[in-house]
Amino acid sequence: MLSGIRLGLIAMLIPVLLDFPGTSAASAEALQLEAKIALGAVSGRIDHMAIDLARQRLFVAELGNDSVGVVDVGGNKVIRTIAGLKEPQGVGYVASTDTLYVANARDGSVRLYQGADYAPAGHIELGSDADNIRVDAGANQVFVGYGSGALAVIDPAKKLKISDITLKAHPEGFQLDRESSRIFVNVPDAGEIAVIDRAAGKQTANWPMQIGASHFPMALDQEAKQVLTVFRSPPRLGVFAMSDGKVAKSLDTCSDSDDVFVDAKLHRIYVVCGGGFVDVFDARQDTLPRIAHILTVTGARTGLFVPELDRLFVAARAQSGQPAAIWVFRPVP
């Protein structure tokens, strides 16, 4: 039997342990790991992802492997690998034409693959460093960040670039406002978030970033009318008013983030970090408390939250004898 002293020590340690990230009941319950889907012989950095909801196929930009993996998320398996790419960074799926868009950093091209068998369907030359992709299904347009400072506007029906929107430096994460014609763009080398008017085809405002540097991932909280971005130096989550860019919140978060998402149903924020964690913040409370600090693996800094499937997919690169995999998390109310 345990002595009274030992029982007393345990009682004292329990609240201390619960204060450590990843040890609380909230951490254990906020995201439940359901599966790890092995990607096969994939090495190096993994970048962004996209989804074909009708077929439940996840597209994974395997940058270090010069390939895109096609994952059947219903069957938890890879069903296809598209090889021969040039450092794929961004992927986007256009349902109206059943076409996968892949942005390549090394040669600046956007390559197109069509149909269930992903037959090559052409390419669009942007010049250099083709990066993030966003699809505006309503306007039937595809936006691709690239080069030393531009968003390419692509007509998916014609499979052609129809215009450019100039920026001060290379764009990183950007998001399309569903309720207006605005696009919000992280431009870390210019130290700003650029605000673009899609209808005018030009930048109309800039928000100087004064709480940190190297802001790459971005998400929009449409309900709260806020823009969220995550800084790497120092690691902080910044929350800005969508109307004028004023700082609403600035919070510590995990390091080396490359993706952030808003779960509108559960009113949560998910920050995916290469430091080896996913941070979960409670957006129901004004102070945005961090309710979970969930261990993943070092380098797993990209992900995709799919609200229609109620799943968060996190890309874990190969390391220490462990193969590259997609970790599938289910949010728990």
C-alpha atoms as a PDB file:
ATOM      1  CA  MET A   1       0.000   0.000   0.000  1.00  0.00           C
ATOM      2  CA  LEU A   2       1.109   3.569  -0.648  1.00  0.00           C
ATOM      3  CA  SER A   3       2.048   5.594   2.372  1.00  0.00           C
ATOM      4  CA  GLY A   4       0.243   8.779   3.262  1.00  0.00           C
ATOM      5  CA  ILE A   5       3.304  10.811   2.229  1.00  0.00           C
ATOM      6  CA  ARG A   6       3.398   9.178  -1.231  1.00  0.00           C
ATOM      7  CA  LEU A   7      -0.319   9.715  -1.719  1.00  0.00           C
ATOM      8  CA  GLY A   8       0.137  13.336  -0.760  1.00  0.00           C
ATOM      9  CA  LEU A   9       2.967  13.774  -3.254  1.00  0.00           C
ATOM     10  CA  ILE A  10       0.886  12.226  -6.059  1.00  0.00           C
ATOM     11  CA  ALA A  11      -2.002  14.520  -5.225  1.00  0.00           C
ATOM     12  CA  MET A  12       0.355  17.495  -5.434  1.00  0.00           C
ATOM     13  CA  LEU A  13       1.841  16.353  -8.762  1.00  0.00           C
ATOM     14  CA  ILE A  14      -1.437  15.716 -10.596  1.00  0.00           C
ATOM     15  CA  PRO A  15      -2.354  19.404 -11.115  1.00  0.00           C
ATOM     16  CA  VAL A  16       1.265  20.200 -12.074  1.00  0.00           C
ATOM     17  CA  LEU A  17       1.289  17.477 -14.743  1.00  0.00           C
ATOM     18  CA  LEU A  18      -2.037  18.651 -16.106  1.00  0.00           C
ATOM     19  CA  ASP A  19      -0.520  22.097 -16.689  1.00  0.00           C
ATOM     20  CA  PHE A  20       2.040  20.646 -19.127  1.00  0.00           C
ATOM     21  CA  PRO A  21       1.080  20.865 -22.822  1.00  0.00           C
ATOM     22  CA  GLY A  22      -0.346  17.641 -24.166  1.00  0.00           C
ATOM     23  CA  THR A  23      -1.137  16.090 -20.772  1.00  0.00           C
ATOM     24  CA  SER A  24      -4.565  17.501 -19.968  1.00  0.00           C
ATOM     25  CA  ALA A  25      -7.880  15.815 -20.584  1.00  0.00           C
ATOM     26  CA  ALA A  26      -8.705  18.666 -22.991  1.00  0.00           C
ATOM     27  CA  SER A  27      -5.608  17.844 -25.046  1.00  0.00           C
ATOM     28  CA  ALA A  28      -6.520  14.186 -25.229  1.00  0.00           C
ATOM     29  CA  GLU A  29     -10.073  14.929 -26.293  1.00  0.00           C
ATOM     30  CA  ALA A  30      -9.734  17.937 -28.632  1.00  0.00           C
ATOM     31  CA  LEU A  31      -8.333  15.889 -31.534  1.00  0.00           C
ATOM     32  CA  GLN A  32      -8.438  12.114 -31.703  1.00  0.00           C
ATOM     33  CA  LEU A  33      -5.864  10.380 -33.907  1.00  0.00           C
ATOM     34  CA  GLU A  34      -7.819   7.928 -36.054  1.00  0.00           C
ATOM     35  CA  ALA A  35      -5.270   6.666 -38.572  1.00  0.00           C
ATOM     36  CA  LYS A  36      -1.810   7.006 -40.071  1.00  0.00           C
ATOM     37  CA  ILE A  37      -1.895   6.525 -43.835  1.00  0.00           C
ATOM     38  CA  ALA A  38       1.535   5.489 -45.122  1.00  0.00           C
ATOM     39  CA  LEU A  39       2.600   7.370 -48.262  1.00  0.00           C
ATOM     40  CA  GLY A  40       5.142   4.774 -49.417  1.00  0.00           C
ATOM     41  CA  ALA A  41       8.688   5.604 -50.532  1.00  0.00           C
ATOM     42  CA  VAL A  42       8.370   9.357 -50.082  1.00  0.00           C
ATOM     43  CA  SER A  43      11.343  11.296 -48.767  1.00  0.00           C
ATOM     44  CA  GLY A  44      11.973  14.941 -47.961  1.00  0.00           C
ATOM     45  CA  ARG A  45       9.685  17.834 -47.337  1.00  0.00           C
ATOM     46  CA  ILE A  46       5.908  17.566 -47.793  1.00  0.00           C
ATOM     47  CA  ASP A  47       4.019  20.731 -48.680  1.00  0.00           C
ATOM     48  CA  HIS A  48       0.331  21.536 -49.077  1.00  0.00           C
ATOM     49  CA  MET A  49      -2.781  19.425 -49.717  1.00  0.00           C
ATOM     50  CA  ALA A  50      -6.172  19.628 -51.433  1.00  0.00           C
ATOM     51  CA  ILE A  51      -9.299  17.473 -51.564  1.00  0.00           C
ATOM     52  CA  ASP A  52     -11.655  16.020 -54.164  1.00  0.00           C
ATOM     53  CA  LEU A  53     -14.750  15.659 -52.005  1.00  0.00           C
ATOM     54  CA  ALA A  54     -16.835  13.671 -54.473  1.00  0.00           C
ATOM     55  CA  ARG A  55     -14.245  10.878 -54.668  1.00  0.00           C
ATOM     56  CA  GLN A  56     -12.822  11.513 -51.170  1.00  0.00           C
ATOM     57  CA  ARG A  57      -9.315  11.764 -52.545  1.00  0.00           C
ATOM     58  CA  LEU A  58      -6.618  13.775 -50.818  1.00  0.00           C
ATOM     59  CA  PHE A  59      -3.822  15.281 -52.930  1.00  0.00           C
ATOM     60  CA  VAL A  60      -0.456  15.608 -51.192  1.00  0.00           C
ATOM     61  CA  ALA A  61       2.343  17.793 -52.592  1.00  0.00           C
ATOM     62  CA  GLU A  62       5.438  15.670 -51.939  1.00  0.00           C
ATOM     63  CA  LEU A  63       7.904  18.476 -52.672  1.00  0.00           C
ATOM     64  CA  GLY A  64      11.091  16.655 -51.722  1.00  0.00           C
ATOM     65  CA  ASN A  65      10.036  13.643 -53.784  1.00  0.00           C
ATOM     66  CA  ASP A  66       8.963  15.617 -56.916  1.00  0.00           C
ATOM     67  CA  SER A  67       5.577  13.900 -56.777  1.00  0.00           C
ATOM     68  CA  VAL A  68       1.943  14.248 -55.740  1.00  0.00           C
ATOM     69  CA  GLY A  69       0.353  11.430 -53.781  1.00  0.00           C
ATOM     70  CA  VAL A  70      -3.325  10.636 -54.311  1.00  0.00           C
ATOM     71  CA  VAL A  71      -4.837   9.200 -51.130  1.00  0.00           C
ATOM     72  CA  ASP A  72      -8.181   7.447 -50.828  1.00  0.00           C
ATOM     73  CA  VAL A  73      -9.219   8.778 -47.419  1.00  0.00           C
ATOM     74  CA  GLY A  74     -12.162   6.392 -47.233  1.00  0.00           C
ATOM     75  CA  GLY A  75      -9.901   3.390 -47.694  1.00  0.00           C
ATOM     76  CA  ASN A  76      -6.887   4.913 -45.875  1.00  0.00           C
ATOM     77  CA  LYS A  77      -4.490   4.104 -48.717  1.00  0.00           C
ATOM     78  CA  VAL A  78      -2.475   5.663 -51.531  1.00  0.00           C
ATOM     79  CA  ILE A  79      -3.999   4.825 -54.892  1.00  0.00           C
ATOM     80  CA  ARG A  80      -1.779   6.816 -57.240  1.00  0.00           C
ATOM     81  CA  THR A  81       1.476   8.741 -57.378  1.00  0.00           C
ATOM     82  CA  ILE A  82       1.963  11.478 -59.970  1.00  0.00           C
ATOM     83  CA  ALA A  83       5.720  11.601 -60.579  1.00  0.00           C
ATOM     84  CA  GLY A  84       8.116  13.747 -62.602  1.00  0.00           C
ATOM     85  CA  LEU A  85       7.171  17.083 -61.042  1.00  0.00           C
ATOM     86  CA  LYS A  86       9.492  19.968 -60.119  1.00  0.00           C
ATOM     87  CA  GLU A  87       9.198  20.624 -56.388  1.00  0.00           C
ATOM     88  CA  PRO A  88       5.391  20.727 -56.118  1.00  0.00           C
ATOM     89  CA  GLN A  89       4.306  23.199 -53.456  1.00  0.00           C
ATOM     90  CA  GLY A  90       0.619  23.944 -53.980  1.00  0.00           C
ATOM     91  CA  VAL A  91      -2.272  21.794 -55.173  1.00  0.00           C
ATOM     92  CA  GLY A  92      -5.844  22.697 -56.006  1.00  0.00           C
ATOM     93  CA  TYR A  93      -8.808  20.752 -57.323  1.00  0.00           C
ATOM     94  CA  VAL A  94     -11.420  22.320 -59.625  1.00  0.00           C
ATOM     95  CA  ALA A  95     -14.607  20.245 -59.468  1.00  0.00           C
ATOM     96  CA  SER A  96     -16.295  21.980 -62.418  1.00  0.00           C
ATOM     97  CA  THR A  97     -13.662  20.650 -64.839  1.00  0.00           C
ATOM     98  CA  ASP A  98     -12.511  17.668 -62.742  1.00  0.00           C
ATOM     99  CA  THR A  99      -8.955  18.984 -62.888  1.00  0.00           C
ATOM    100  CA  LEU A 100      -6.053  18.871 -60.449  1.00  0.00           C
ATOM    101  CA  TYR A 101      -3.713  21.890 -60.490  1.00  0.00           C
ATOM    102  CA  VAL A 102      -0.121  21.439 -59.254  1.00  0.00           C
ATOM    103  CA  ALA A 103       2.183  24.456 -58.713  1.00  0.00           C
ATOM    104  CA  ASN A 104       5.913  23.710 -59.093  1.00  0.00           C
ATOM    105  CA  ALA A 105       8.596  25.805 -57.417  1.00  0.00           C
ATOM    106  CA  ARG A 106      11.610  24.714 -59.419  1.00  0.00           C
ATOM    107  CA  ASP A 107      10.379  25.605 -62.911  1.00  0.00           C
ATOM    108  CA  GLY A 108       7.481  27.941 -62.092  1.00  0.00           C
ATOM    109  CA  SER A 109       4.913  25.831 -63.914  1.00  0.00           C
ATOM    110  CA  VAL A 110       1.352  24.890 -63.042  1.00  0.00           C
ATOM    111  CA  ARG A 111       0.606  21.403 -64.349  1.00  0.00           C
ATOM    112  CA  LEU A 112      -2.906  20.122 -64.941  1.00  0.00           C
ATOM    113  CA  TYR A 113      -4.261  16.579 -64.555  1.00  0.00           C
ATOM    114  CA  GLN A 114      -7.815  15.675 -65.493  1.00  0.00           C
ATOM    115  CA  GLY A 115     -10.332  12.993 -64.644  1.00  0.00           C
ATOM    116  CA  ALA A 116     -10.294   9.996 -62.357  1.00  0.00           C
ATOM    117  CA  ASP A 117      -7.074   8.690 -63.941  1.00  0.00           C
ATOM    118  CA  TYR A 118      -5.253  12.073 -63.751  1.00  0.00           C
ATOM    119  CA  ALA A 119      -4.340  12.240 -67.408  1.00  0.00           C
ATOM    120  CA  PRO A 120      -1.959  15.149 -68.218  1.00  0.00           C
ATOM    121  CA  ALA A 121      -4.097  18.077 -69.398  1.00  0.00           C
ATOM    122  CA  GLY A 122      -1.561  20.793 -70.118  1.00  0.00           C
ATOM    123  CA  HIS A 123       0.557  23.261 -68.205  1.00  0.00           C
ATOM    124  CA  ILE A 124       0.748  26.991 -67.583  1.00  0.00           C
ATOM    125  CA  GLU A 125       4.162  28.666 -67.375  1.00  0.00           C
ATOM    126  CA  LEU A 126       4.389  31.334 -64.675  1.00  0.00           C
ATOM    127  CA  GLY A 127       8.157  31.824 -64.718  1.00  0.00           C
ATOM    128  CA  SER A 128       9.382  31.025 -61.208  1.00  0.00           C
ATOM    129  CA  ASP A 129       8.463  29.714 -57.766  1.00  0.00           C
ATOM    130  CA  ALA A 130       4.815  28.756 -58.306  1.00  0.00           C
ATOM    131  CA  ASP A 131       3.456  28.251 -54.807  1.00  0.00           C
ATOM    132  CA  ASN A 132       0.060  28.330 -53.074  1.00  0.00           C
ATOM    133  CA  ILE A 133      -3.179  27.706 -54.988  1.00  0.00           C
ATOM    134  CA  ARG A 134      -6.706  28.837 -54.141  1.00  0.00           C
ATOM    135  CA  VAL A 135      -9.867  27.974 -56.088  1.00  0.00           C
ATOM    136  CA  ASP A 136     -12.838  30.340 -56.344  1.00  0.00           C
ATOM    137  CA  ALA A 137     -15.568  27.956 -57.483  1.00  0.00           C
ATOM    138  CA  GLY A 138     -18.232  30.663 -57.600  1.00  0.00           C
ATOM    139  CA  ALA A 139     -16.266  32.957 -59.897  1.00  0.00           C
ATOM    140  CA  ASN A 140     -14.719  29.978 -61.726  1.00  0.00           C
ATOM    141  CA  GLN A 141     -11.157  31.213 -61.198  1.00  0.00           C
ATOM    142  CA  VAL A 142      -7.920  29.772 -59.883  1.00  0.00           C
ATOM    143  CA  PHE A 143      -5.335  31.936 -58.111  1.00  0.00           C
ATOM    144  CA  VAL A 144      -1.654  30.956 -57.851  1.00  0.00           C
ATOM    145  CA  GLY A 145       1.018  32.853 -55.930  1.00  0.00           C
ATOM    146  CA  TYR A 146       4.368  32.970 -57.689  1.00  0.00           C
ATOM    147  CA  GLY A 147       7.618  34.728 -58.485  1.00  0.00           C
ATOM    148  CA  SER A 148       8.943  37.868 -56.862  1.00  0.00           C
ATOM    149  CA  GLY A 149       5.451  39.217 -56.266  1.00  0.00           C
ATOM    150  CA  ALA A 150       2.248  38.240 -58.060  1.00  0.00           C
ATOM    151  CA  LEU A 151      -0.966  36.263 -58.002  1.00  0.00           C
ATOM    152  CA  ALA A 152      -1.762  34.650 -61.345  1.00  0.00           C
ATOM    153  CA  VAL A 153      -5.455  34.545 -62.234  1.00  0.00           C
ATOM    154  CA  ILE A 154      -6.329  31.427 -64.259  1.00  0.00           C
ATOM    155  CA  ASP A 155      -9.499  30.656 -66.190  1.00  0.00           C
ATOM    156  CA  PRO A 156     -10.073  26.909 -65.611  1.00  0.00           C
ATOM    157  CA  ALA A 157     -12.448  26.624 -68.576  1.00  0.00           C
ATOM    158  CA  LYS A 158      -9.783  27.921 -70.970  1.00  0.00           C
ATOM    159  CA  LYS A 159      -6.832  26.568 -68.931  1.00  0.00           C
ATOM    160  CA  LEU A 160      -5.065  29.891 -69.428  1.00  0.00           C
ATOM    161  CA  LYS A 161      -3.656  32.654 -67.256  1.00  0.00           C
ATOM    162  CA  ILE A 162      -5.853  35.685 -67.893  1.00  0.00           C
ATOM    163  CA  SER A 163      -4.181  38.280 -65.661  1.00  0.00           C
ATOM    164  CA  ASP A 164      -1.689  39.036 -62.893  1.00  0.00           C
ATOM    165  CA  ILE A 165      -2.175  40.910 -59.625  1.00  0.00           C
ATOM    166  CA  THR A 166       1.083  42.589 -58.614  1.00  0.00           C
ATOM    167  CA  LEU A 167       2.471  42.426 -55.069  1.00  0.00           C
ATOM    168  CA  LYS A 168       5.569  43.878 -53.402  1.00  0.00           C
ATOM    169  CA  ALA A 169       7.256  40.489 -52.867  1.00  0.00           C
ATOM    170  CA  HIS A 170       6.619  36.757 -53.097  1.00  0.00           C
ATOM    171  CA  PRO A 171       3.196  35.774 -51.708  1.00  0.00           C
ATOM    172  CA  GLU A 172       2.915  33.011 -49.162  1.00  0.00           C
ATOM    173  CA  GLY A 173      -0.405  31.897 -47.625  1.00  0.00           C
ATOM    174  CA  PHE A 174      -3.473  33.748 -48.912  1.00  0.00           C
ATOM    175  CA  GLN A 175      -7.233  33.420 -48.577  1.00  0.00           C
ATOM    176  CA  LEU A 176     -10.329  34.490 -50.516  1.00  0.00           C
ATOM    177  CA  ASP A 177     -13.026  36.324 -48.573  1.00  0.00           C
ATOM    178  CA  ARG A 178     -16.329  34.561 -49.282  1.00  0.00           C
ATOM    179  CA  GLU A 179     -18.370  37.673 -48.486  1.00  0.00           C
ATOM    180  CA  SER A 180     -16.539  40.239 -50.611  1.00  0.00           C
ATOM    181  CA  SER A 181     -14.158  40.553 -53.539  1.00  0.00           C
ATOM    182  CA  ARG A 182     -11.132  40.781 -51.256  1.00  0.00           C
ATOM    183  CA  ILE A 183      -8.103  38.522 -51.104  1.00  0.00           C
ATOM    184  CA  PHE A 184      -5.820  38.682 -48.055  1.00  0.00           C
ATOM    185  CA  VAL A 185      -2.186  37.779 -48.785  1.00  0.00           C
ATOM    186  CA  ASN A 186       0.791  37.143 -46.505  1.00  0.00           C
ATOM    187  CA  VAL A 187       3.818  38.937 -47.982  1.00  0.00           C
ATOM    188  CA  PRO A 188       6.522  38.248 -45.377  1.00  0.00           C
ATOM    189  CA  ASP A 189       9.444  39.776 -47.294  1.00  0.00           C
ATOM    190  CA  ALA A 190       7.513  43.053 -47.406  1.00  0.00           C
ATOM    191  CA  GLY A 191       6.481  42.687 -43.759  1.00  0.00           C
ATOM    192  CA  GLU A 192       2.788  43.041 -44.536  1.00  0.00           C
ATOM    193  CA  ILE A 193      -0.558  41.509 -45.274  1.00  0.00           C
ATOM    194  CA  ALA A 194      -1.719  42.774 -48.664  1.00  0.00           C
ATOM    195  CA  VAL A 195      -5.417  43.359 -49.292  1.00  0.00           C
ATOM    196  CA  ILE A 196      -6.466  42.815 -52.891  1.00  0.00           C
ATOM    197  CA  ASP A 197      -9.675  43.789 -54.654  1.00  0.00           C
ATOM    198  CA  ARG A 198     -10.437  40.957 -57.077  1.00  0.00           C
ATOM    199  CA  ALA A 199     -12.840  43.073 -59.099  1.00  0.00           C
ATOM    200  CA  ALA A 200     -10.262  45.832 -59.580  1.00  0.00           C
ATOM    201  CA  GLY A 201      -7.403  43.366 -59.984  1.00  0.00           C
ATOM    202  CA  LYS A 202      -5.026  45.276 -57.714  1.00  0.00           C
ATOM    203  CA  GLN A 203      -3.818  45.751 -54.155  1.00  0.00           C
ATOM    204  CA  THR A 204      -5.883  48.336 -52.301  1.00  0.00           C
ATOM    205  CA  ALA A 205      -4.376  48.243 -48.790  1.00  0.00           C
ATOM    206  CA  ASN A 206      -1.454  46.955 -46.783  1.00  0.00           C
ATOM    207  CA  TRP A 207      -1.285  46.026 -43.118  1.00  0.00           C
ATOM    208  CA  PRO A 208       2.239  46.328 -41.660  1.00  0.00           C
ATOM    209  CA  MET A 209       3.128  43.387 -39.414  1.00  0.00           C
ATOM    210  CA  GLN A 210       4.536  44.704 -36.144  1.00  0.00           C
ATOM    211  CA  ILE A 211       4.113  41.715 -33.824  1.00  0.00           C
ATOM    212  CA  GLY A 212       6.410  39.302 -35.633  1.00  0.00           C
ATOM    213  CA  ALA A 213       8.133  38.212 -38.833  1.00  0.00           C
ATOM    214  CA  SER A 214       8.006  35.291 -41.260  1.00  0.00           C
ATOM    215  CA  HIS A 215       4.228  35.027 -41.379  1.00  0.00           C
ATOM    216  CA  PHE A 216       3.404  32.178 -43.744  1.00  0.00           C
ATOM    217  CA  PRO A 217       0.058  30.448 -42.956  1.00  0.00           C
ATOM    218  CA  MET A 218      -3.286  32.255 -43.031  1.00  0.00           C
ATOM    219  CA  ALA A 219      -6.943  31.483 -42.344  1.00  0.00           C
ATOM    220  CA  LEU A 220     -10.135  33.524 -42.239  1.00  0.00           C
ATOM    221  CA  ASP A 221     -12.710  33.429 -39.469  1.00  0.00           C
ATOM    222  CA  GLN A 222     -15.709  34.534 -41.519  1.00  0.00           C
ATOM    223  CA  GLU A 223     -18.081  34.589 -38.549  1.00  0.00           C
ATOM    224  CA  ALA A 224     -15.819  36.759 -36.398  1.00  0.00           C
ATOM    225  CA  LYS A 225     -14.661  38.764 -39.445  1.00  0.00           C
ATOM    226  CA  GLN A 226     -11.015  38.230 -38.605  1.00  0.00           C
ATOM    227  CA  VAL A 227      -7.831  37.327 -40.454  1.00  0.00           C
ATOM    228  CA  LEU A 228      -5.538  34.839 -38.698  1.00  0.00           C
ATOM    229  CA  THR A 229      -1.867  34.518 -39.499  1.00  0.00           C
ATOM    230  CA  VAL A 230       0.959  32.672 -37.737  1.00  0.00           C
ATOM    231  CA  PHE A 231       4.467  34.084 -37.303  1.00  0.00           C
ATOM    232  CA  ARG A 232       7.597  31.966 -37.033  1.00  0.00           C
ATOM    233  CA  SER A 233       9.725  34.670 -35.423  1.00  0.00           C
ATOM    234  CA  PRO A 234       8.631  34.659 -32.671  1.00  0.00           C
ATOM    235  CA  PRO A 235       6.081  31.806 -32.850  1.00  0.00           C
ATOM    236  CA  ARG A 236       2.813  33.695 -32.441  1.00  0.00           C
ATOM    237  CA  LEU A 237      -0.759  33.558 -33.637  1.00  0.00           C
ATOM    238  CA  GLY A 238      -1.897  36.983 -34.800  1.00  0.00           C
ATOM    239  CA  VAL A 239      -5.585  37.859 -35.132  1.00  0.00           C
ATOM    240  CA  PHE A 240      -6.533  40.948 -37.146  1.00  0.00           C
ATOM    241  CA  ALA A 241      -9.810  42.733 -37.795  1.00  0.00           C
ATOM    242  CA  MET A 242     -10.892  42.005 -41.360  1.00  0.00           C
ATOM    243  CA  SER A 243     -12.140  45.580 -41.777  1.00  0.00           C
ATOM    244  CA  ASP A 244      -8.908  47.489 -41.141  1.00  0.00           C
ATOM    245  CA  GLY A 245      -6.128  45.110 -40.028  1.00  0.00           C
ATOM    246  CA  LYS A 246      -6.062  46.226 -36.403  1.00  0.00           C
ATOM    247  CA  VAL A 247      -4.531  43.665 -34.029  1.00  0.00           C
ATOM    248  CA  ALA A 248      -7.258  41.905 -32.060  1.00  0.00           C
ATOM    249  CA  LYS A 249      -5.099  39.188 -30.429  1.00  0.00           C
ATOM    250  CA  SER A 250      -1.471  38.080 -30.290  1.00  0.00           C
ATOM    251  CA  LEU A 251      -0.826  34.696 -28.659  1.00  0.00           C
ATOM    252  CA  ASP A 252       2.089  32.304 -28.183  1.00  0.00           C
ATOM    253  CA  THR A 253       1.872  29.159 -30.279  1.00  0.00           C
ATOM    254  CA  CYS A 254       3.989  26.254 -31.504  1.00  0.00           C
ATOM    255  CA  SER A 255       7.021  26.826 -33.741  1.00  0.00           C
ATOM    256  CA  ASP A 256       7.604  26.561 -37.499  1.00  0.00           C
ATOM    257  CA  SER A 257       3.961  26.648 -38.571  1.00  0.00           C
ATOM    258  CA  ASP A 258       2.949  26.398 -42.222  1.00  0.00           C
ATOM    259  CA  ASP A 259      -0.819  25.898 -41.902  1.00  0.00           C
ATOM    260  CA  VAL A 260      -3.650  27.256 -39.750  1.00  0.00           C
ATOM    261  CA  PHE A 261      -7.367  26.461 -39.954  1.00  0.00           C
ATOM    262  CA  VAL A 262     -10.670  27.596 -38.451  1.00  0.00           C
ATOM    263  CA  ASP A 263     -13.186  24.952 -37.390  1.00  0.00           C
ATOM    264  CA  ALA A 264     -16.412  26.970 -37.677  1.00  0.00           C
ATOM    265  CA  LYS A 265     -18.585  24.191 -36.223  1.00  0.00           C
ATOM    266  CA  LEU A 266     -16.625  23.754 -32.994  1.00  0.00           C
ATOM    267  CA  HIS A 267     -15.296  27.337 -32.923  1.00  0.00           C
ATOM    268  CA  ARG A 268     -11.672  26.230 -32.758  1.00  0.00           C
ATOM    269  CA  ILE A 269      -8.393  27.212 -34.387  1.00  0.00           C
ATOM    270  CA  TYR A 270      -5.863  24.543 -35.414  1.00  0.00           C
ATOM    271  CA  VAL A 271      -2.201  25.551 -35.850  1.00  0.00           C
ATOM    272  CA  VAL A 272      -0.012  22.888 -37.518  1.00  0.00           C
ATOM    273  CA  CYS A 273       3.662  23.233 -36.613  1.00  0.00           C
ATOM    274  CA  GLY A 274       6.954  21.774 -37.801  1.00  0.00           C
ATOM    275  CA  GLY A 275       8.099  21.920 -34.208  1.00  0.00           C
ATOM    276  CA  GLY A 276       6.133  18.689 -33.819  1.00  0.00           C
ATOM    277  CA  PHE A 277       2.779  19.831 -32.443  1.00  0.00           C
ATOM    278  CA  VAL A 278      -0.731  20.876 -33.348  1.00  0.00           C
ATOM    279  CA  ASP A 279      -2.052  23.682 -31.157  1.00  0.00           C
ATOM    280  CA  VAL A 280      -5.800  24.005 -30.607  1.00  0.00           C
ATOM    281  CA  PHE A 281      -7.333  27.316 -29.492  1.00  0.00           C
ATOM    282  CA  ASP A 282     -10.883  27.832 -28.222  1.00  0.00           C
ATOM    283  CA  ALA A 283     -12.473  30.605 -30.317  1.00  0.00           C
ATOM    284  CA  ARG A 284     -15.633  30.592 -28.188  1.00  0.00           C
ATOM    285  CA  GLN A 285     -13.762  32.545 -25.548  1.00  0.00           C
ATOM    286  CA  ASP A 286     -12.563  36.080 -26.153  1.00  0.00           C
ATOM    287  CA  THR A 287      -9.074  35.313 -24.831  1.00  0.00           C
ATOM    288  CA  LEU A 288      -8.634  32.361 -27.266  1.00  0.00           C
ATOM    289  CA  PRO A 289      -7.152  30.003 -24.662  1.00  0.00           C
ATOM    290  CA  ARG A 290      -4.975  27.175 -25.950  1.00  0.00           C
ATOM    291  CA  ILE A 291      -6.836  24.001 -25.008  1.00  0.00           C
ATOM    292  CA  ALA A 292      -4.523  21.415 -26.572  1.00  0.00           C
ATOM    293  CA  HIS A 293      -0.876  21.006 -27.561  1.00  0.00           C
ATOM    294  CA  ILE A 294      -0.857  17.697 -29.422  1.00  0.00           C
ATOM    295  CA  LEU A 295       2.355  15.862 -30.225  1.00  0.00           C
ATOM    296  CA  THR A 296       3.064  14.915 -33.854  1.00  0.00           C
ATOM    297  CA  VAL A 297       6.590  14.688 -35.313  1.00  0.00           C
ATOM    298  CA  THR A 298       9.283  17.212 -36.157  1.00  0.00           C
ATOM    299  CA  GLY A 299       8.788  18.667 -39.627  1.00  0.00           C
ATOM    300  CA  ALA A 300       5.040  17.975 -39.777  1.00  0.00           C
ATOM    301  CA  ARG A 301       4.157  21.590 -40.472  1.00  0.00           C
ATOM    302  CA  THR A 302       1.499  21.283 -43.185  1.00  0.00           C
ATOM    303  CA  GLY A 303      -2.049  20.006 -43.031  1.00  0.00           C
ATOM    304  CA  LEU A 304      -5.572  20.333 -44.359  1.00  0.00           C
ATOM    305  CA  PHE A 305      -8.771  20.711 -42.375  1.00  0.00           C
ATOM    306  CA  VAL A 306     -11.792  19.458 -44.335  1.00  0.00           C
ATOM    307  CA  PRO A 307     -14.994  20.578 -42.566  1.00  0.00           C
ATOM    308  CA  GLU A 308     -17.187  18.478 -44.870  1.00  0.00           C
ATOM    309  CA  LEU A 309     -15.389  15.344 -43.614  1.00  0.00           C
ATOM    310  CA  ASP A 310     -14.809  16.762 -40.119  1.00  0.00           C
ATOM    311  CA  ARG A 311     -11.156  15.718 -40.290  1.00  0.00           C
ATOM    312  CA  LEU A 312      -7.738  17.356 -39.913  1.00  0.00           C
ATOM    313  CA  PHE A 313      -5.036  15.767 -42.068  1.00  0.00           C
ATOM    314  CA  VAL A 314      -1.407  16.377 -41.027  1.00  0.00           C
ATOM    315  CA  ALA A 315       1.556  15.499 -43.267  1.00  0.00           C
ATOM    316  CA  ALA A 316       4.382  13.740 -41.397  1.00  0.00           C
ATOM    317  CA  ARG A 317       7.586  13.460 -43.397  1.00  0.00           C
ATOM    318  CA  ALA A 318       9.776  10.339 -43.247  1.00  0.00           C
ATOM    319  CA  GLN A 319      12.362  10.252 -40.468  1.00  0.00           C
ATOM    320  CA  SER A 320      14.197   7.914 -38.089  1.00  0.00           C
ATOM    321  CA  GLY A 321      13.043   4.781 -39.863  1.00  0.00           C
ATOM    322  CA  GLN A 322       9.410   5.912 -39.897  1.00  0.00           C
ATOM    323  CA  PRO A 323       7.845   6.271 -43.360  1.00  0.00           C
ATOM    324  CA  ALA A 324       6.076   9.416 -44.494  1.00  0.00           C
ATOM    325  CA  ALA A 325       2.404   9.359 -43.587  1.00  0.00           C
ATOM    326  CA  ILE A 326      -0.788  11.360 -43.353  1.00  0.00           C
ATOM    327  CA  TRP A 327      -2.053  11.505 -39.786  1.00  0.00           C
ATOM    328  CA  VAL A 328      -5.850  11.706 -39.634  1.00  0.00           C
ATOM    329  CA  PHE A 329      -7.356  13.525 -36.659  1.00  0.00           C
ATOM    330  CA  ARG A 330     -11.041  13.705 -35.764  1.00  0.00           C
ATOM    331  CA  PRO A 331     -12.115  16.782 -33.786  1.00  0.00           C
ATOM    332  CA  VAL A 332     -13.904  15.829 -30.583  1.00  0.00           C
ATOM    333  CA  PRO A 333     -16.594  18.214 -29.229  1.00  0.00           C
END
